[in-house]
Amino acid sequence: NAIRQRELEAANSDLQEKLERSYVMIGDSVPMRALRQQIAFAAPTSGRVLIYGESGTGKELVARAMHSRSLRASRAFIEVNCAAIPEDLIESELFGHVKGAFTGATQAKRGKFERADDGTLFLDEIGDMSFRTQSKVLRALEEQRFEPVGSETSINVDVRVIAATNKRLEAEIERGMFRADLFYRLNVIPFEIPPLRERLDDVPLLVEH
């Protein structure tokens, strides 16, 4: 068993190194150096992170970099694109469901929150989440527990949530499209990802890469 454990640890270490190489952030401009410092500071903490940035600026790269440098690096990194999942399916996607919970639920399903237990859950495009789902996510964050769709039994989890958006959530709150209480729960450590036009010094490095 001890030999098998060492083999698993070595394989996990190799995988972690490959992941870090795959998701490397290229650039040595002032904004990129500042971003790396911010990641180094925030990654080892358990604080929730809200990443702002235009589409294509690398919000997922930052989330993965934070996970790989966190105390949860050996555990799962689970991603959810909140804009890509239909409204009638997102609760099941996040929290799972029991068999027979709705038409087509022919077997039970583990949700993203449960799969991310002891790891990191990345909620991409959180600004596109419906008000109803926001309420359920807020409760899961506050209590670190939830009920799968169709179940009355709670599941306890220990999940670090990193959220990202290309919207200004303060403006969405004023429009009545985003919950202020969820915003404050998520916005513990805010990140701002600079677009490439604000770090043109990095273009030659990106071309070389």
C-alpha atoms as a PDB file:
ATOM      1  CA  ASN A   1       0.000   0.000   0.000  1.00  0.00           C
ATOM      2  CA  ALA A   2       2.848   2.398   0.828  1.00  0.00           C
ATOM      3  CA  ILE A   3       4.425   1.781  -2.583  1.00  0.00           C
ATOM      4  CA  ARG A   4       1.097   2.320  -4.312  1.00  0.00           C
ATOM      5  CA  GLN A   5       0.587   5.542  -2.354  1.00  0.00           C
ATOM      6  CA  ARG A   6       4.002   6.853  -3.452  1.00  0.00           C
ATOM      7  CA  GLU A   7       3.208   5.959  -7.057  1.00  0.00           C
ATOM      8  CA  LEU A   8      -0.087   7.863  -6.851  1.00  0.00           C
ATOM      9  CA  GLU A   9       1.620  10.881  -5.296  1.00  0.00           C
ATOM     10  CA  ALA A  10       4.290  10.872  -8.025  1.00  0.00           C
ATOM     11  CA  ALA A  11       1.663  10.582 -10.769  1.00  0.00           C
ATOM     12  CA  ASN A  12      -0.322  13.419  -9.209  1.00  0.00           C
ATOM     13  CA  SER A  13       2.805  15.581  -9.027  1.00  0.00           C
ATOM     14  CA  ASP A  14       3.582  14.921 -12.713  1.00  0.00           C
ATOM     15  CA  LEU A  15       0.009  15.782 -13.673  1.00  0.00           C
ATOM     16  CA  GLN A  16       0.152  18.989 -11.657  1.00  0.00           C
ATOM     17  CA  GLU A  17       3.349  20.055 -13.435  1.00  0.00           C
ATOM     18  CA  LYS A  18       1.781  19.344 -16.839  1.00  0.00           C
ATOM     19  CA  LEU A  19      -1.301  21.360 -15.921  1.00  0.00           C
ATOM     20  CA  GLU A  20       0.813  24.294 -14.786  1.00  0.00           C
ATOM     21  CA  ARG A  21       2.702  24.221 -18.097  1.00  0.00           C
ATOM     22  CA  SER A  22      -0.561  24.039 -20.041  1.00  0.00           C
ATOM     23  CA  TYR A  23      -2.046  27.045 -18.262  1.00  0.00           C
ATOM     24  CA  VAL A  24       1.008  29.285 -18.044  1.00  0.00           C
ATOM     25  CA  MET A  25       0.393  33.034 -18.221  1.00  0.00           C
ATOM     26  CA  ILE A  26       2.640  34.766 -20.741  1.00  0.00           C
ATOM     27  CA  GLY A  27       3.804  38.325 -20.174  1.00  0.00           C
ATOM     28  CA  ASP A  28       6.285  40.465 -18.257  1.00  0.00           C
ATOM     29  CA  SER A  29       4.546  43.832 -18.467  1.00  0.00           C
ATOM     30  CA  VAL A  30       3.786  45.857 -15.336  1.00  0.00           C
ATOM     31  CA  PRO A  31       0.096  44.759 -15.282  1.00  0.00           C
ATOM     32  CA  MET A  32       1.104  41.076 -15.608  1.00  0.00           C
ATOM     33  CA  ARG A  33       3.720  41.319 -12.870  1.00  0.00           C
ATOM     34  CA  ALA A  34       1.119  42.924 -10.611  1.00  0.00           C
ATOM     35  CA  LEU A  35      -1.365  40.186 -11.473  1.00  0.00           C
ATOM     36  CA  ARG A  36       1.148  37.462 -10.586  1.00  0.00           C
ATOM     37  CA  GLN A  37       1.840  39.131  -7.247  1.00  0.00           C
ATOM     38  CA  GLN A  38      -1.880  39.280  -6.534  1.00  0.00           C
ATOM     39  CA  ILE A  39      -2.281  35.592  -7.390  1.00  0.00           C
ATOM     40  CA  ALA A  40       0.683  34.676  -5.147  1.00  0.00           C
ATOM     41  CA  PHE A  41      -0.905  36.601  -2.282  1.00  0.00           C
ATOM     42  CA  ALA A  42      -4.462  35.313  -2.687  1.00  0.00           C
ATOM     43  CA  ALA A  43      -3.930  31.706  -3.787  1.00  0.00           C
ATOM     44  CA  PRO A  44      -2.925  30.213  -0.405  1.00  0.00           C
ATOM     45  CA  THR A  45      -5.925  31.759   1.358  1.00  0.00           C
ATOM     46  CA  SER A  46      -9.430  30.330   1.476  1.00  0.00           C
ATOM     47  CA  GLY A  47     -11.045  33.625   0.471  1.00  0.00           C
ATOM     48  CA  ARG A  48     -13.546  33.689  -2.372  1.00  0.00           C
ATOM     49  CA  VAL A  49     -12.388  35.469  -5.505  1.00  0.00           C
ATOM     50  CA  LEU A  50     -14.310  37.489  -8.098  1.00  0.00           C
ATOM     51  CA  ILE A  51     -12.459  37.963 -11.385  1.00  0.00           C
ATOM     52  CA  TYR A  52     -13.436  40.815 -13.713  1.00  0.00           C
ATOM     53  CA  GLY A  53     -12.299  40.927 -17.317  1.00  0.00           C
ATOM     54  CA  GLU A  54     -13.432  41.247 -20.895  1.00  0.00           C
ATOM     55  CA  SER A  55     -14.022  38.100 -22.927  1.00  0.00           C
ATOM     56  CA  GLY A  56     -10.715  36.532 -23.900  1.00  0.00           C
ATOM     57  CA  THR A  57      -8.555  38.217 -21.256  1.00  0.00           C
ATOM     58  CA  GLY A  58      -7.748  34.938 -19.493  1.00  0.00           C
ATOM     59  CA  LYS A  59     -10.073  34.712 -16.507  1.00  0.00           C
ATOM     60  CA  GLU A  60      -9.947  30.914 -16.538  1.00  0.00           C
ATOM     61  CA  LEU A  61      -6.129  31.003 -16.631  1.00  0.00           C
ATOM     62  CA  VAL A  62      -6.116  33.119 -13.479  1.00  0.00           C
ATOM     63  CA  ALA A  63      -8.594  30.800 -11.750  1.00  0.00           C
ATOM     64  CA  ARG A  64      -6.515  27.728 -12.606  1.00  0.00           C
ATOM     65  CA  ALA A  65      -3.295  29.473 -11.546  1.00  0.00           C
ATOM     66  CA  MET A  66      -4.855  30.274  -8.186  1.00  0.00           C
ATOM     67  CA  HIS A  67      -6.023  26.697  -7.716  1.00  0.00           C
ATOM     68  CA  SER A  68      -2.619  25.241  -8.653  1.00  0.00           C
ATOM     69  CA  ARG A  69      -0.928  27.456  -6.035  1.00  0.00           C
ATOM     70  CA  SER A  70      -3.503  26.873  -3.322  1.00  0.00           C
ATOM     71  CA  LEU A  71      -3.652  24.377  -0.476  1.00  0.00           C
ATOM     72  CA  ARG A  72      -6.323  22.584  -2.539  1.00  0.00           C
ATOM     73  CA  ALA A  73      -4.060  22.017  -5.555  1.00  0.00           C
ATOM     74  CA  SER A  74      -4.165  18.233  -5.209  1.00  0.00           C
ATOM     75  CA  ARG A  75      -7.969  18.238  -5.249  1.00  0.00           C
ATOM     76  CA  ALA A  76     -10.450  18.846  -8.082  1.00  0.00           C
ATOM     77  CA  PHE A  77     -10.819  22.031 -10.095  1.00  0.00           C
ATOM     78  CA  ILE A  78     -14.409  22.020 -11.389  1.00  0.00           C
ATOM     79  CA  GLU A  79     -15.600  24.588 -13.921  1.00  0.00           C
ATOM     80  CA  VAL A  80     -19.154  25.698 -14.680  1.00  0.00           C
ATOM     81  CA  ASN A  81     -19.983  28.088 -17.524  1.00  0.00           C
ATOM     82  CA  CYS A  82     -23.134  29.706 -16.181  1.00  0.00           C
ATOM     83  CA  ALA A  83     -23.952  31.270 -19.562  1.00  0.00           C
ATOM     84  CA  ALA A  84     -23.822  27.965 -21.475  1.00  0.00           C
ATOM     85  CA  ILE A  85     -26.269  25.911 -19.396  1.00  0.00           C
ATOM     86  CA  PRO A  86     -30.038  26.256 -19.976  1.00  0.00           C
ATOM     87  CA  GLU A  87     -31.963  27.730 -17.054  1.00  0.00           C
ATOM     88  CA  ASP A  88     -34.000  24.567 -16.488  1.00  0.00           C
ATOM     89  CA  LEU A  89     -30.816  22.483 -16.124  1.00  0.00           C
ATOM     90  CA  ILE A  90     -28.408  24.678 -14.181  1.00  0.00           C
ATOM     91  CA  GLU A  91     -29.674  23.726 -10.706  1.00  0.00           C
ATOM     92  CA  SER A  92     -29.192  20.054 -11.534  1.00  0.00           C
ATOM     93  CA  GLU A  93     -25.764  20.847 -12.960  1.00  0.00           C
ATOM     94  CA  LEU A  94     -24.692  22.696  -9.828  1.00  0.00           C
ATOM     95  CA  PHE A  95     -26.338  20.636  -7.112  1.00  0.00           C
ATOM     96  CA  GLY A  96     -27.079  17.301  -8.776  1.00  0.00           C
ATOM     97  CA  HIS A  97     -30.371  15.409  -8.643  1.00  0.00           C
ATOM     98  CA  VAL A  98     -31.856  12.154  -7.438  1.00  0.00           C
ATOM     99  CA  LYS A  99     -33.328   9.538  -9.716  1.00  0.00           C
ATOM    100  CA  GLY A 100     -36.845  10.527 -10.815  1.00  0.00           C
ATOM    101  CA  ALA A 101     -36.460  14.165  -9.732  1.00  0.00           C
ATOM    102  CA  PHE A 102     -37.814  15.314 -13.108  1.00  0.00           C
ATOM    103  CA  THR A 103     -38.648  13.950 -16.534  1.00  0.00           C
ATOM    104  CA  GLY A 104     -35.511  12.388 -17.976  1.00  0.00           C
ATOM    105  CA  ALA A 105     -33.764  11.917 -14.614  1.00  0.00           C
ATOM    106  CA  THR A 106     -33.324   8.183 -15.097  1.00  0.00           C
ATOM    107  CA  GLN A 107     -30.433   8.029 -12.641  1.00  0.00           C
ATOM    108  CA  ALA A 108     -28.949  10.098  -9.844  1.00  0.00           C
ATOM    109  CA  LYS A 109     -26.294  12.677 -10.715  1.00  0.00           C
ATOM    110  CA  ARG A 110     -23.614  14.350  -8.618  1.00  0.00           C
ATOM    111  CA  GLY A 111     -23.538  18.116  -9.033  1.00  0.00           C
ATOM    112  CA  LYS A 112     -20.540  20.380  -9.508  1.00  0.00           C
ATOM    113  CA  PHE A 113     -20.594  21.534  -5.888  1.00  0.00           C
ATOM    114  CA  GLU A 114     -20.286  17.958  -4.664  1.00  0.00           C
ATOM    115  CA  ARG A 115     -17.603  17.086  -7.223  1.00  0.00           C
ATOM    116  CA  ALA A 116     -15.584  20.125  -6.089  1.00  0.00           C
ATOM    117  CA  ASP A 117     -15.637  19.085  -2.423  1.00  0.00           C
ATOM    118  CA  ASP A 118     -12.258  19.936  -0.813  1.00  0.00           C
ATOM    119  CA  GLY A 119     -11.283  21.593  -4.096  1.00  0.00           C
ATOM    120  CA  THR A 120     -12.128  24.661  -6.170  1.00  0.00           C
ATOM    121  CA  LEU A 121     -15.359  25.478  -8.007  1.00  0.00           C
ATOM    122  CA  PHE A 122     -14.971  27.999 -10.840  1.00  0.00           C
ATOM    123  CA  LEU A 123     -18.246  29.753 -11.712  1.00  0.00           C
ATOM    124  CA  ASP A 124     -17.544  31.381 -15.064  1.00  0.00           C
ATOM    125  CA  GLU A 125     -19.865  34.147 -16.343  1.00  0.00           C
ATOM    126  CA  ILE A 126     -21.612  34.363 -12.975  1.00  0.00           C
ATOM    127  CA  GLY A 127     -23.368  37.533 -14.180  1.00  0.00           C
ATOM    128  CA  ASP A 128     -25.540  35.423 -16.506  1.00  0.00           C
ATOM    129  CA  MET A 129     -26.956  33.290 -13.694  1.00  0.00           C
ATOM    130  CA  SER A 130     -30.693  33.661 -13.067  1.00  0.00           C
ATOM    131  CA  PHE A 131     -31.988  35.319  -9.898  1.00  0.00           C
ATOM    132  CA  ARG A 132     -33.503  32.042  -8.723  1.00  0.00           C
ATOM    133  CA  THR A 133     -30.254  30.130  -9.094  1.00  0.00           C
ATOM    134  CA  GLN A 134     -28.344  32.986  -7.458  1.00  0.00           C
ATOM    135  CA  SER A 135     -30.471  32.472  -4.330  1.00  0.00           C
ATOM    136  CA  LYS A 136     -29.595  28.783  -4.170  1.00  0.00           C
ATOM    137  CA  VAL A 137     -25.888  29.457  -4.744  1.00  0.00           C
ATOM    138  CA  LEU A 138     -25.953  32.094  -2.006  1.00  0.00           C
ATOM    139  CA  ARG A 139     -27.405  29.609   0.449  1.00  0.00           C
ATOM    140  CA  ALA A 140     -24.828  26.972  -0.521  1.00  0.00           C
ATOM    141  CA  LEU A 141     -22.031  29.484   0.067  1.00  0.00           C
ATOM    142  CA  GLU A 142     -23.409  30.605   3.412  1.00  0.00           C
ATOM    143  CA  GLU A 143     -24.072  27.125   4.783  1.00  0.00           C
ATOM    144  CA  GLN A 144     -21.577  25.030   2.788  1.00  0.00           C
ATOM    145  CA  ARG A 145     -24.382  22.567   2.190  1.00  0.00           C
ATOM    146  CA  PHE A 146     -27.211  22.015  -0.286  1.00  0.00           C
ATOM    147  CA  GLU A 147     -29.910  19.567  -1.326  1.00  0.00           C
ATOM    148  CA  PRO A 148     -29.792  17.886  -4.744  1.00  0.00           C
ATOM    149  CA  VAL A 149     -32.857  18.517  -6.902  1.00  0.00           C
ATOM    150  CA  GLY A 150     -35.662  16.245  -5.698  1.00  0.00           C
ATOM    151  CA  SER A 151     -33.942  15.386  -2.407  1.00  0.00           C
ATOM    152  CA  GLU A 152     -34.600  16.503   1.154  1.00  0.00           C
ATOM    153  CA  THR A 153     -31.220  15.299   2.398  1.00  0.00           C
ATOM    154  CA  SER A 154     -28.448  17.892   2.697  1.00  0.00           C
ATOM    155  CA  ILE A 155     -24.910  17.326   1.467  1.00  0.00           C
ATOM    156  CA  ASN A 156     -22.101  19.118   3.299  1.00  0.00           C
ATOM    157  CA  VAL A 157     -19.136  20.353   1.282  1.00  0.00           C
ATOM    158  CA  ASP A 158     -15.933  22.330   1.728  1.00  0.00           C
ATOM    159  CA  VAL A 159     -15.564  24.256  -1.528  1.00  0.00           C
ATOM    160  CA  ARG A 160     -13.585  27.331  -2.433  1.00  0.00           C
ATOM    161  CA  VAL A 161     -15.500  29.336  -5.026  1.00  0.00           C
ATOM    162  CA  ILE A 162     -13.825  31.473  -7.672  1.00  0.00           C
ATOM    163  CA  ALA A 163     -16.264  33.394  -9.864  1.00  0.00           C
ATOM    164  CA  ALA A 164     -15.671  35.365 -13.054  1.00  0.00           C
ATOM    165  CA  THR A 165     -17.669  37.823 -15.111  1.00  0.00           C
ATOM    166  CA  ASN A 166     -17.325  40.203 -18.039  1.00  0.00           C
ATOM    167  CA  LYS A 167     -20.156  42.327 -16.615  1.00  0.00           C
ATOM    168  CA  ARG A 168     -20.033  45.092 -14.015  1.00  0.00           C
ATOM    169  CA  LEU A 169     -22.029  43.435 -11.282  1.00  0.00           C
ATOM    170  CA  GLU A 170     -22.578  46.714  -9.415  1.00  0.00           C
ATOM    171  CA  ALA A 171     -24.498  47.923 -12.480  1.00  0.00           C
ATOM    172  CA  GLU A 172     -26.376  44.612 -12.672  1.00  0.00           C
ATOM    173  CA  ILE A 173     -27.386  45.057  -9.025  1.00  0.00           C
ATOM    174  CA  GLU A 174     -28.783  48.524  -9.787  1.00  0.00           C
ATOM    175  CA  ARG A 175     -30.767  47.010 -12.679  1.00  0.00           C
ATOM    176  CA  GLY A 176     -32.174  44.362 -10.348  1.00  0.00           C
ATOM    177  CA  MET A 177     -30.440  41.555 -12.265  1.00  0.00           C
ATOM    178  CA  PHE A 178     -27.955  40.436  -9.620  1.00  0.00           C
ATOM    179  CA  ARG A 179     -28.269  39.902  -5.879  1.00  0.00           C
ATOM    180  CA  ALA A 180     -26.254  42.348  -3.784  1.00  0.00           C
ATOM    181  CA  ASP A 181     -25.827  39.801  -0.979  1.00  0.00           C
ATOM    182  CA  LEU A 182     -24.352  37.235  -3.387  1.00  0.00           C
ATOM    183  CA  PHE A 183     -22.045  39.887  -4.820  1.00  0.00           C
ATOM    184  CA  TYR A 184     -20.642  40.670  -1.376  1.00  0.00           C
ATOM    185  CA  ARG A 185     -20.185  36.963  -0.645  1.00  0.00           C
ATOM    186  CA  LEU A 186     -18.205  36.485  -3.863  1.00  0.00           C
ATOM    187  CA  ASN A 187     -16.276  39.751  -3.962  1.00  0.00           C
ATOM    188  CA  VAL A 188     -13.982  38.992  -1.025  1.00  0.00           C
ATOM    189  CA  ILE A 189     -10.829  39.214  -3.164  1.00  0.00           C
ATOM    190  CA  PRO A 190     -11.509  41.123  -6.414  1.00  0.00           C
ATOM    191  CA  PHE A 191      -9.273  40.665  -9.463  1.00  0.00           C
ATOM    192  CA  GLU A 192      -9.152  42.851 -12.568  1.00  0.00           C
ATOM    193  CA  ILE A 193      -7.643  41.206 -15.669  1.00  0.00           C
ATOM    194  CA  PRO A 194      -6.119  43.762 -18.072  1.00  0.00           C
ATOM    195  CA  PRO A 195      -6.907  43.371 -21.782  1.00  0.00           C
ATOM    196  CA  LEU A 196      -3.997  42.904 -24.168  1.00  0.00           C
ATOM    197  CA  ARG A 197      -4.350  46.462 -25.515  1.00  0.00           C
ATOM    198  CA  GLU A 198      -3.256  47.685 -22.061  1.00  0.00           C
ATOM    199  CA  ARG A 199      -0.133  45.492 -22.025  1.00  0.00           C
ATOM    200  CA  LEU A 200       1.239  45.713 -25.558  1.00  0.00           C
ATOM    201  CA  ASP A 201       4.758  45.015 -24.250  1.00  0.00           C
ATOM    202  CA  ASP A 202       3.634  41.384 -23.902  1.00  0.00           C
ATOM    203  CA  VAL A 203       2.814  40.918 -27.596  1.00  0.00           C
ATOM    204  CA  PRO A 204       6.359  39.803 -28.647  1.00  0.00           C
ATOM    205  CA  LEU A 205       6.445  37.249 -25.809  1.00  0.00           C
ATOM    206  CA  LEU A 206       3.042  35.902 -26.820  1.00  0.00           C
ATOM    207  CA  VAL A 207       4.132  35.631 -30.464  1.00  0.00           C
ATOM    208  CA  GLU A 208       7.284  33.762 -29.437  1.00  0.00           C
ATOM    209  CA  HIS A 209       5.286  31.429 -27.208  1.00  0.00           C
END
